[in-house]
Amino acid sequence: MARRVGSVVCPGCGRLVGAGESRCPFCGRPAPAMFGLTALMRRLGLRMGLWPLVAGGCGLLYIAALAVDPRGIAGGQGGLLGILAPTTNSLLALGASGPVPVLNMGRWWTVLSAGWLHANLLHIVMNLLWVRQLAPAVEHLYGTGRSLLIYTLSGVAGFLASSLSPFAPDLLRMVLGHGSLTVGASAALFGLLGALIHYSRRGGSSALGQQVWTWALALFVFGLIFPGVDNWAHLGGFAGGWLLSFWLDPLKPERVDHLIGGVLCLVASLGAVVWSIVTALR
């Protein structure tokens, strides 16, 4: 197979690199040429990155949830959690997940849409701060396509765990809690943590592993202490991200099918939101 010649602009650092490079020599981004797709995306104005995609998607749907039912703008819960809190009806209409939507209402596709929705202003701000912290590191190590796969599919794993939690033993449900409705990016965030931990073991970076384990344990303990936190989604997301990282080996070059898979995940998530709205209107 002929080796590609010429230069491309690395989407990670903006420097010129060889089109045949498997990894950018300046910033380390895997497959900077991305088989020519990076140049195509730049021409179309679709330069992708996990952090801006998540921030933009979650922000737009948060505004949409408030617009669907304006009563959520004033807030009905009181206190800090009541500030700009979308109503239950608006969250259901846009694709909230959990035991009630999935098991009682048959809205199984919401495991794809719920991770883009948030319950109040504090909820979305905290989650997006963590996305901003973790997403660039995961994208640097795994590449954009694999990062999208990990983020989306670990979120699905988290919401599946949450939706199926009524079948868990009573002792586990007593410790981890239980609910009827769940939304938020934290399931996927735990997936990013799981992927980073796997990389730390695979790549021999013990310092990174210790730091990520500290974050993961602190966030999980926070969920056990404070009410209203979906610990099932956190555990499911962490397990999903960790298992996916075995398949999406970070020490191997990113392939074009990874990017295609990541884009398909985004399309499926958008489709889940649209279908939630369609079925709600019915």
C-alpha atoms as a PDB file:
ATOM      1  CA  MET A   1       0.000   0.000   0.000  1.00  0.00           C
ATOM      2  CA  ALA A   2       1.419   3.382  -1.005  1.00  0.00           C
ATOM      3  CA  ARG A   3       2.353   5.780   1.751  1.00  0.00           C
ATOM      4  CA  ARG A   4       0.583   9.160   1.641  1.00  0.00           C
ATOM      5  CA  VAL A   5       2.789  12.150   0.852  1.00  0.00           C
ATOM      6  CA  GLY A   6       2.364  15.862   1.403  1.00  0.00           C
ATOM      7  CA  SER A   7       1.383  17.818   4.485  1.00  0.00           C
ATOM      8  CA  VAL A   8      -1.800  18.488   6.427  1.00  0.00           C
ATOM      9  CA  VAL A   9      -2.696  20.819   9.280  1.00  0.00           C
ATOM     10  CA  CYS A  10      -2.983  18.892  12.546  1.00  0.00           C
ATOM     11  CA  PRO A  11      -6.445  19.590  14.049  1.00  0.00           C
ATOM     12  CA  GLY A  12      -4.927  19.236  17.511  1.00  0.00           C
ATOM     13  CA  CYS A  13      -2.221  21.910  17.426  1.00  0.00           C
ATOM     14  CA  GLY A  14      -2.614  23.612  14.046  1.00  0.00           C
ATOM     15  CA  ARG A  15       0.931  22.791  12.818  1.00  0.00           C
ATOM     16  CA  LEU A  16       1.904  21.237   9.516  1.00  0.00           C
ATOM     17  CA  VAL A  17       2.652  17.511   9.731  1.00  0.00           C
ATOM     18  CA  GLY A  18       3.283  14.797   7.200  1.00  0.00           C
ATOM     19  CA  ALA A  19       0.110  13.277   5.736  1.00  0.00           C
ATOM     20  CA  GLY A  20       1.489   9.802   6.407  1.00  0.00           C
ATOM     21  CA  GLU A  21       2.255  10.400  10.104  1.00  0.00           C
ATOM     22  CA  SER A  22       0.467   7.986  12.458  1.00  0.00           C
ATOM     23  CA  ARG A  23       0.769  10.541  15.299  1.00  0.00           C
ATOM     24  CA  CYS A  24       1.466  14.283  15.340  1.00  0.00           C
ATOM     25  CA  PRO A  25       5.116  14.797  16.407  1.00  0.00           C
ATOM     26  CA  PHE A  26       4.205  18.094  18.111  1.00  0.00           C
ATOM     27  CA  CYS A  27       1.049  17.392  20.130  1.00  0.00           C
ATOM     28  CA  GLY A  28       0.805  13.593  19.893  1.00  0.00           C
ATOM     29  CA  ARG A  29      -2.682  13.541  18.318  1.00  0.00           C
ATOM     30  CA  PRO A  30      -3.291  10.154  16.630  1.00  0.00           C
ATOM     31  CA  ALA A  31      -3.789  10.115  12.844  1.00  0.00           C
ATOM     32  CA  PRO A  32      -3.669  13.898  12.249  1.00  0.00           C
ATOM     33  CA  ALA A  33      -4.512  13.433   8.556  1.00  0.00           C
ATOM     34  CA  MET A  34      -7.455  11.113   9.393  1.00  0.00           C
ATOM     35  CA  PHE A  35      -7.309   9.602   5.902  1.00  0.00           C
ATOM     36  CA  GLY A  36      -8.154  12.972   4.367  1.00  0.00           C
ATOM     37  CA  LEU A  37     -11.343  13.454   6.383  1.00  0.00           C
ATOM     38  CA  THR A  38      -9.850  16.164   8.591  1.00  0.00           C
ATOM     39  CA  ALA A  39      -9.270  18.416   5.577  1.00  0.00           C
ATOM     40  CA  LEU A  40     -12.809  17.747   4.389  1.00  0.00           C
ATOM     41  CA  MET A  41     -14.253  18.622   7.801  1.00  0.00           C
ATOM     42  CA  ARG A  42     -12.240  21.841   7.911  1.00  0.00           C
ATOM     43  CA  ARG A  43     -13.565  22.859   4.465  1.00  0.00           C
ATOM     44  CA  LEU A  44     -17.114  22.184   5.619  1.00  0.00           C
ATOM     45  CA  GLY A  45     -16.584  24.082   8.870  1.00  0.00           C
ATOM     46  CA  LEU A  46     -17.157  20.929  10.908  1.00  0.00           C
ATOM     47  CA  ARG A  47     -13.949  20.721  12.876  1.00  0.00           C
ATOM     48  CA  MET A  48     -14.937  18.296  15.592  1.00  0.00           C
ATOM     49  CA  GLY A  49     -13.895  18.020  19.179  1.00  0.00           C
ATOM     50  CA  LEU A  50     -15.485  16.246  22.111  1.00  0.00           C
ATOM     51  CA  TRP A  51     -15.630  19.247  24.451  1.00  0.00           C
ATOM     52  CA  PRO A  52     -17.295  21.753  22.060  1.00  0.00           C
ATOM     53  CA  LEU A  53     -19.745  19.114  20.821  1.00  0.00           C
ATOM     54  CA  VAL A  54     -20.829  18.168  24.340  1.00  0.00           C
ATOM     55  CA  ALA A  55     -20.965  21.762  25.574  1.00  0.00           C
ATOM     56  CA  GLY A  56     -22.935  22.910  22.545  1.00  0.00           C
ATOM     57  CA  GLY A  57     -25.350  19.968  22.566  1.00  0.00           C
ATOM     58  CA  CYS A  58     -26.037  20.084  26.301  1.00  0.00           C
ATOM     59  CA  GLY A  59     -26.380  23.864  26.283  1.00  0.00           C
ATOM     60  CA  LEU A  60     -28.870  23.905  23.411  1.00  0.00           C
ATOM     61  CA  LEU A  61     -31.014  21.157  24.911  1.00  0.00           C
ATOM     62  CA  TYR A  62     -30.952  22.829  28.322  1.00  0.00           C
ATOM     63  CA  ILE A  63     -32.343  25.997  26.750  1.00  0.00           C
ATOM     64  CA  ALA A  64     -34.850  23.924  24.779  1.00  0.00           C
ATOM     65  CA  ALA A  65     -36.035  22.175  27.962  1.00  0.00           C
ATOM     66  CA  LEU A  66     -36.710  25.548  29.584  1.00  0.00           C
ATOM     67  CA  ALA A  67     -38.494  26.777  26.454  1.00  0.00           C
ATOM     68  CA  VAL A  68     -40.745  23.685  26.213  1.00  0.00           C
ATOM     69  CA  ASP A  69     -42.235  24.450  29.623  1.00  0.00           C
ATOM     70  CA  PRO A  70     -41.393  28.025  30.757  1.00  0.00           C
ATOM     71  CA  ARG A  71     -42.572  27.236  34.279  1.00  0.00           C
ATOM     72  CA  GLY A  72     -39.119  25.735  34.809  1.00  0.00           C
ATOM     73  CA  ILE A  73     -37.486  29.147  34.424  1.00  0.00           C
ATOM     74  CA  ALA A  74     -38.925  30.385  37.704  1.00  0.00           C
ATOM     75  CA  GLY A  75     -38.113  27.086  39.409  1.00  0.00           C
ATOM     76  CA  GLY A  76     -40.387  25.075  41.618  1.00  0.00           C
ATOM     77  CA  GLN A  77     -38.021  23.215  43.949  1.00  0.00           C
ATOM     78  CA  GLY A  78     -36.741  26.225  45.890  1.00  0.00           C
ATOM     79  CA  GLY A  79     -33.169  26.951  46.874  1.00  0.00           C
ATOM     80  CA  LEU A  80     -30.176  26.538  44.597  1.00  0.00           C
ATOM     81  CA  LEU A  81     -31.577  23.453  42.824  1.00  0.00           C
ATOM     82  CA  GLY A  82     -34.674  25.378  41.803  1.00  0.00           C
ATOM     83  CA  ILE A  83     -32.794  27.928  39.696  1.00  0.00           C
ATOM     84  CA  LEU A  84     -33.640  27.516  36.010  1.00  0.00           C
ATOM     85  CA  ALA A  85     -34.754  23.905  36.512  1.00  0.00           C
ATOM     86  CA  PRO A  86     -36.590  22.312  33.543  1.00  0.00           C
ATOM     87  CA  THR A  87     -39.836  20.626  34.555  1.00  0.00           C
ATOM     88  CA  THR A  88     -40.304  16.862  34.587  1.00  0.00           C
ATOM     89  CA  ASN A  89     -42.657  17.143  31.611  1.00  0.00           C
ATOM     90  CA  SER A  90     -40.082  18.963  29.476  1.00  0.00           C
ATOM     91  CA  LEU A  91     -37.321  16.497  30.387  1.00  0.00           C
ATOM     92  CA  LEU A  92     -39.583  13.561  29.508  1.00  0.00           C
ATOM     93  CA  ALA A  93     -40.518  15.177  26.216  1.00  0.00           C
ATOM     94  CA  LEU A  94     -36.855  15.630  25.229  1.00  0.00           C
ATOM     95  CA  GLY A  95     -35.717  12.153  26.256  1.00  0.00           C
ATOM     96  CA  ALA A  96     -35.111  11.645  29.983  1.00  0.00           C
ATOM     97  CA  SER A  97     -34.318   8.033  30.835  1.00  0.00           C
ATOM     98  CA  GLY A  98     -34.650   5.792  33.891  1.00  0.00           C
ATOM     99  CA  PRO A  99     -36.898   2.972  35.111  1.00  0.00           C
ATOM    100  CA  VAL A 100     -40.174   4.794  34.396  1.00  0.00           C
ATOM    101  CA  PRO A 101     -39.440   5.937  30.810  1.00  0.00           C
ATOM    102  CA  VAL A 102     -37.657   2.713  29.805  1.00  0.00           C
ATOM    103  CA  LEU A 103     -39.586   0.007  31.675  1.00  0.00           C
ATOM    104  CA  ASN A 104     -43.017   1.562  32.165  1.00  0.00           C
ATOM    105  CA  MET A 105     -43.304   3.715  29.050  1.00  0.00           C
ATOM    106  CA  GLY A 106     -41.200   1.645  26.639  1.00  0.00           C
ATOM    107  CA  ARG A 107     -38.980   4.591  25.703  1.00  0.00           C
ATOM    108  CA  TRP A 108     -35.819   2.476  25.398  1.00  0.00           C
ATOM    109  CA  TRP A 109     -34.062   4.932  23.053  1.00  0.00           C
ATOM    110  CA  THR A 110     -33.784   7.465  25.875  1.00  0.00           C
ATOM    111  CA  VAL A 111     -30.564   5.791  27.038  1.00  0.00           C
ATOM    112  CA  LEU A 112     -29.039   7.748  24.122  1.00  0.00           C
ATOM    113  CA  SER A 113     -30.754  11.084  24.728  1.00  0.00           C
ATOM    114  CA  ALA A 114     -30.710  11.444  28.544  1.00  0.00           C
ATOM    115  CA  GLY A 115     -27.003  12.243  28.753  1.00  0.00           C
ATOM    116  CA  TRP A 116     -27.563  15.513  26.879  1.00  0.00           C
ATOM    117  CA  LEU A 117     -30.224  16.784  29.315  1.00  0.00           C
ATOM    118  CA  HIS A 118     -29.805  18.383  32.742  1.00  0.00           C
ATOM    119  CA  ALA A 119     -32.085  18.964  35.702  1.00  0.00           C
ATOM    120  CA  ASN A 120     -31.022  22.478  36.748  1.00  0.00           C
ATOM    121  CA  LEU A 121     -28.405  25.180  36.359  1.00  0.00           C
ATOM    122  CA  LEU A 122     -26.027  23.759  38.976  1.00  0.00           C
ATOM    123  CA  HIS A 123     -26.312  20.316  37.391  1.00  0.00           C
ATOM    124  CA  ILE A 124     -25.253  21.428  33.901  1.00  0.00           C
ATOM    125  CA  VAL A 125     -22.528  23.784  35.140  1.00  0.00           C
ATOM    126  CA  MET A 126     -20.857  21.102  37.283  1.00  0.00           C
ATOM    127  CA  ASN A 127     -21.055  18.458  34.567  1.00  0.00           C
ATOM    128  CA  LEU A 128     -19.695  20.726  31.844  1.00  0.00           C
ATOM    129  CA  LEU A 129     -16.822  21.807  34.078  1.00  0.00           C
ATOM    130  CA  TRP A 130     -15.849  18.156  34.433  1.00  0.00           C
ATOM    131  CA  VAL A 131     -16.249  17.599  30.678  1.00  0.00           C
ATOM    132  CA  ARG A 132     -13.908  20.537  30.098  1.00  0.00           C
ATOM    133  CA  GLN A 133     -11.415  18.934  32.493  1.00  0.00           C
ATOM    134  CA  LEU A 134     -11.503  15.384  31.133  1.00  0.00           C
ATOM    135  CA  ALA A 135     -12.479  15.538  27.460  1.00  0.00           C
ATOM    136  CA  PRO A 136      -9.251  17.111  26.087  1.00  0.00           C
ATOM    137  CA  ALA A 137      -7.115  14.497  27.873  1.00  0.00           C
ATOM    138  CA  VAL A 138      -9.181  11.579  26.560  1.00  0.00           C
ATOM    139  CA  GLU A 139      -9.268  13.068  23.061  1.00  0.00           C
ATOM    140  CA  HIS A 140      -5.512  13.573  23.118  1.00  0.00           C
ATOM    141  CA  LEU A 141      -4.917   9.932  24.086  1.00  0.00           C
ATOM    142  CA  TYR A 142      -7.641   8.219  22.054  1.00  0.00           C
ATOM    143  CA  GLY A 143      -8.413  10.619  19.204  1.00  0.00           C
ATOM    144  CA  THR A 144     -11.707  12.304  18.354  1.00  0.00           C
ATOM    145  CA  GLY A 145     -13.512   9.282  16.910  1.00  0.00           C
ATOM    146  CA  ARG A 146     -12.738   6.936  19.775  1.00  0.00           C
ATOM    147  CA  SER A 147     -13.488   9.670  22.321  1.00  0.00           C
ATOM    148  CA  LEU A 148     -16.959  10.126  20.834  1.00  0.00           C
ATOM    149  CA  LEU A 149     -17.529   6.377  20.970  1.00  0.00           C
ATOM    150  CA  ILE A 150     -16.424   6.168  24.601  1.00  0.00           C
ATOM    151  CA  TYR A 151     -18.454   9.188  25.648  1.00  0.00           C
ATOM    152  CA  THR A 152     -21.685   8.123  23.948  1.00  0.00           C
ATOM    153  CA  LEU A 153     -21.598   4.384  24.597  1.00  0.00           C
ATOM    154  CA  SER A 154     -20.500   4.674  28.236  1.00  0.00           C
ATOM    155  CA  GLY A 155     -23.436   7.034  28.737  1.00  0.00           C
ATOM    156  CA  VAL A 156     -25.709   4.368  27.238  1.00  0.00           C
ATOM    157  CA  ALA A 157     -24.224   1.785  29.622  1.00  0.00           C
ATOM    158  CA  GLY A 158     -24.843   4.093  32.566  1.00  0.00           C
ATOM    159  CA  PHE A 159     -28.476   4.755  31.738  1.00  0.00           C
ATOM    160  CA  LEU A 160     -29.080   1.076  31.049  1.00  0.00           C
ATOM    161  CA  ALA A 161     -27.748   0.287  34.524  1.00  0.00           C
ATOM    162  CA  SER A 162     -29.980   2.971  36.016  1.00  0.00           C
ATOM    163  CA  SER A 163     -33.051   1.811  34.096  1.00  0.00           C
ATOM    164  CA  LEU A 164     -32.546  -1.808  35.145  1.00  0.00           C
ATOM    165  CA  SER A 165     -31.762  -0.984  38.784  1.00  0.00           C
ATOM    166  CA  PRO A 166     -35.250  -2.087  40.015  1.00  0.00           C
ATOM    167  CA  PHE A 167     -34.131  -5.677  39.353  1.00  0.00           C
ATOM    168  CA  ALA A 168     -31.058  -5.329  41.611  1.00  0.00           C
ATOM    169  CA  PRO A 169     -30.998  -6.794  45.146  1.00  0.00           C
ATOM    170  CA  ASP A 170     -32.646  -4.628  47.784  1.00  0.00           C
ATOM    171  CA  LEU A 171     -29.368  -4.155  49.678  1.00  0.00           C
ATOM    172  CA  LEU A 172     -27.672  -2.650  46.615  1.00  0.00           C
ATOM    173  CA  ARG A 173     -30.650  -0.418  45.955  1.00  0.00           C
ATOM    174  CA  MET A 174     -30.545   0.763  49.546  1.00  0.00           C
ATOM    175  CA  VAL A 175     -26.846   1.672  49.281  1.00  0.00           C
ATOM    176  CA  LEU A 176     -26.834   3.115  45.765  1.00  0.00           C
ATOM    177  CA  GLY A 177     -30.288   4.631  45.844  1.00  0.00           C
ATOM    178  CA  HIS A 178     -33.058   4.375  43.295  1.00  0.00           C
ATOM    179  CA  GLY A 179     -35.172   6.718  41.254  1.00  0.00           C
ATOM    180  CA  SER A 180     -37.675   6.895  38.454  1.00  0.00           C
ATOM    181  CA  LEU A 181     -36.153   9.497  36.113  1.00  0.00           C
ATOM    182  CA  THR A 182     -32.538  10.282  35.256  1.00  0.00           C
ATOM    183  CA  VAL A 183     -30.640  12.788  33.098  1.00  0.00           C
ATOM    184  CA  GLY A 184     -27.150  14.258  32.916  1.00  0.00           C
ATOM    185  CA  ALA A 185     -23.688  13.915  31.422  1.00  0.00           C
ATOM    186  CA  SER A 186     -22.183  12.351  34.549  1.00  0.00           C
ATOM    187  CA  ALA A 187     -22.675   8.770  33.304  1.00  0.00           C
ATOM    188  CA  ALA A 188     -20.504   9.570  30.286  1.00  0.00           C
ATOM    189  CA  LEU A 189     -18.062  11.493  32.503  1.00  0.00           C
ATOM    190  CA  PHE A 190     -17.474   8.356  34.536  1.00  0.00           C
ATOM    191  CA  GLY A 191     -16.903   6.579  31.226  1.00  0.00           C
ATOM    192  CA  LEU A 192     -14.109   9.049  30.446  1.00  0.00           C
ATOM    193  CA  LEU A 193     -12.619   8.347  33.875  1.00  0.00           C
ATOM    194  CA  GLY A 194     -12.729   4.603  33.190  1.00  0.00           C
ATOM    195  CA  ALA A 195     -10.978   5.089  29.847  1.00  0.00           C
ATOM    196  CA  LEU A 196      -8.235   7.208  31.440  1.00  0.00           C
ATOM    197  CA  ILE A 197      -7.656   4.590  34.132  1.00  0.00           C
ATOM    198  CA  HIS A 198      -7.289   1.883  31.498  1.00  0.00           C
ATOM    199  CA  TYR A 199      -4.808   4.046  29.596  1.00  0.00           C
ATOM    200  CA  SER A 200      -2.782   4.627  32.764  1.00  0.00           C
ATOM    201  CA  ARG A 201      -2.382   0.868  33.183  1.00  0.00           C
ATOM    202  CA  ARG A 202      -1.863   0.194  29.479  1.00  0.00           C
ATOM    203  CA  GLY A 203       0.609   3.038  29.032  1.00  0.00           C
ATOM    204  CA  GLY A 204       2.378   2.670  32.363  1.00  0.00           C
ATOM    205  CA  SER A 205       1.438   6.099  33.723  1.00  0.00           C
ATOM    206  CA  SER A 206       0.930   5.443  37.429  1.00  0.00           C
ATOM    207  CA  ALA A 207       0.719   9.159  38.285  1.00  0.00           C
ATOM    208  CA  LEU A 208      -2.194   9.604  35.882  1.00  0.00           C
ATOM    209  CA  GLY A 209      -3.891   6.515  37.304  1.00  0.00           C
ATOM    210  CA  GLN A 210      -3.615   7.756  40.880  1.00  0.00           C
ATOM    211  CA  GLN A 211      -5.014  11.159  39.951  1.00  0.00           C
ATOM    212  CA  VAL A 212      -7.960   9.725  38.013  1.00  0.00           C
ATOM    213  CA  TRP A 213      -8.769   7.190  40.743  1.00  0.00           C
ATOM    214  CA  THR A 214      -8.848  10.085  43.232  1.00  0.00           C
ATOM    215  CA  TRP A 215     -11.312  11.980  41.038  1.00  0.00           C
ATOM    216  CA  ALA A 216     -13.490   8.920  40.431  1.00  0.00           C
ATOM    217  CA  LEU A 217     -13.681   7.941  44.114  1.00  0.00           C
ATOM    218  CA  ALA A 218     -14.363  11.518  45.218  1.00  0.00           C
ATOM    219  CA  LEU A 219     -17.209  11.880  42.713  1.00  0.00           C
ATOM    220  CA  PHE A 220     -18.678   8.523  43.660  1.00  0.00           C
ATOM    221  CA  VAL A 221     -18.578   9.307  47.387  1.00  0.00           C
ATOM    222  CA  PHE A 222     -20.207  12.646  46.615  1.00  0.00           C
ATOM    223  CA  GLY A 223     -23.016  10.742  44.911  1.00  0.00           C
ATOM    224  CA  LEU A 224     -23.499   8.482  47.922  1.00  0.00           C
ATOM    225  CA  ILE A 225     -23.690  11.417  50.334  1.00  0.00           C
ATOM    226  CA  PHE A 226     -25.905  13.837  48.432  1.00  0.00           C
ATOM    227  CA  PRO A 227     -29.509  12.951  47.538  1.00  0.00           C
ATOM    228  CA  GLY A 228     -30.790  12.864  43.983  1.00  0.00           C
ATOM    229  CA  VAL A 229     -27.549  11.546  42.448  1.00  0.00           C
ATOM    230  CA  ASP A 230     -27.851   8.545  40.111  1.00  0.00           C
ATOM    231  CA  ASN A 231     -25.088   6.260  41.393  1.00  0.00           C
ATOM    232  CA  TRP A 232     -26.254   3.424  39.124  1.00  0.00           C
ATOM    233  CA  ALA A 233     -25.559   5.581  36.067  1.00  0.00           C
ATOM    234  CA  HIS A 234     -22.126   6.470  37.468  1.00  0.00           C
ATOM    235  CA  LEU A 235     -21.166   2.842  38.010  1.00  0.00           C
ATOM    236  CA  GLY A 236     -22.553   1.749  34.645  1.00  0.00           C
ATOM    237  CA  GLY A 237     -20.795   4.578  32.846  1.00  0.00           C
ATOM    238  CA  PHE A 238     -17.470   3.847  34.535  1.00  0.00           C
ATOM    239  CA  ALA A 239     -17.687   0.147  33.662  1.00  0.00           C
ATOM    240  CA  GLY A 240     -18.704   1.005  30.103  1.00  0.00           C
ATOM    241  CA  GLY A 241     -15.804   3.380  29.539  1.00  0.00           C
ATOM    242  CA  TRP A 242     -13.298   0.975  31.066  1.00  0.00           C
ATOM    243  CA  LEU A 243     -14.498  -1.976  28.947  1.00  0.00           C
ATOM    244  CA  LEU A 244     -14.704   0.074  25.757  1.00  0.00           C
ATOM    245  CA  SER A 245     -11.106   1.179  26.185  1.00  0.00           C
ATOM    246  CA  PHE A 246      -9.975  -2.450  25.826  1.00  0.00           C
ATOM    247  CA  TRP A 247     -11.599  -2.532  22.386  1.00  0.00           C
ATOM    248  CA  LEU A 248     -10.494   1.005  21.451  1.00  0.00           C
ATOM    249  CA  ASP A 249      -6.847   0.412  22.350  1.00  0.00           C
ATOM    250  CA  PRO A 250      -5.295   3.870  22.928  1.00  0.00           C
ATOM    251  CA  LEU A 251      -1.811   2.631  21.994  1.00  0.00           C
ATOM    252  CA  LYS A 252      -2.921   1.798  18.449  1.00  0.00           C
ATOM    253  CA  PRO A 253      -3.487   4.455  15.743  1.00  0.00           C
ATOM    254  CA  GLU A 254      -6.996   5.771  15.327  1.00  0.00           C
ATOM    255  CA  ARG A 255      -8.756   4.497  12.215  1.00  0.00           C
ATOM    256  CA  VAL A 256     -11.280   6.123   9.934  1.00  0.00           C
ATOM    257  CA  ASP A 257     -13.990   3.695  11.076  1.00  0.00           C
ATOM    258  CA  HIS A 258     -13.569   5.051  14.616  1.00  0.00           C
ATOM    259  CA  LEU A 259     -14.482   8.523  13.377  1.00  0.00           C
ATOM    260  CA  ILE A 260     -17.402   7.156  11.373  1.00  0.00           C
ATOM    261  CA  GLY A 261     -18.613   5.284  14.459  1.00  0.00           C
ATOM    262  CA  GLY A 262     -18.335   8.422  16.572  1.00  0.00           C
ATOM    263  CA  VAL A 263     -20.344  10.447  14.066  1.00  0.00           C
ATOM    264  CA  LEU A 264     -22.994   7.711  13.941  1.00  0.00           C
ATOM    265  CA  CYS A 265     -23.234   7.875  17.744  1.00  0.00           C
ATOM    266  CA  LEU A 266     -23.920  11.602  17.536  1.00  0.00           C
ATOM    267  CA  VAL A 267     -26.534  11.053  14.826  1.00  0.00           C
ATOM    268  CA  ALA A 268     -28.192   8.323  16.921  1.00  0.00           C
ATOM    269  CA  SER A 269     -28.260  10.623  19.963  1.00  0.00           C
ATOM    270  CA  LEU A 270     -29.880  13.391  17.932  1.00  0.00           C
ATOM    271  CA  GLY A 271     -32.348  10.873  16.522  1.00  0.00           C
ATOM    272  CA  ALA A 272     -33.240   9.754  20.055  1.00  0.00           C
ATOM    273  CA  VAL A 273     -34.025  13.343  21.055  1.00  0.00           C
ATOM    274  CA  VAL A 274     -36.128  13.906  17.937  1.00  0.00           C
ATOM    275  CA  TRP A 275     -38.021  10.639  18.407  1.00  0.00           C
ATOM    276  CA  SER A 276     -38.663  11.509  22.052  1.00  0.00           C
ATOM    277  CA  ILE A 277     -40.253  14.774  20.941  1.00  0.00           C
ATOM    278  CA  VAL A 278     -42.310  13.043  18.228  1.00  0.00           C
ATOM    279  CA  THR A 279     -43.666  10.417  20.606  1.00  0.00           C
ATOM    280  CA  ALA A 280     -44.360  13.064  23.269  1.00  0.00           C
ATOM    281  CA  LEU A 281     -46.428  15.073  20.771  1.00  0.00           C
ATOM    282  CA  ARG A 282     -48.464  11.976  20.017  1.00  0.00           C
END
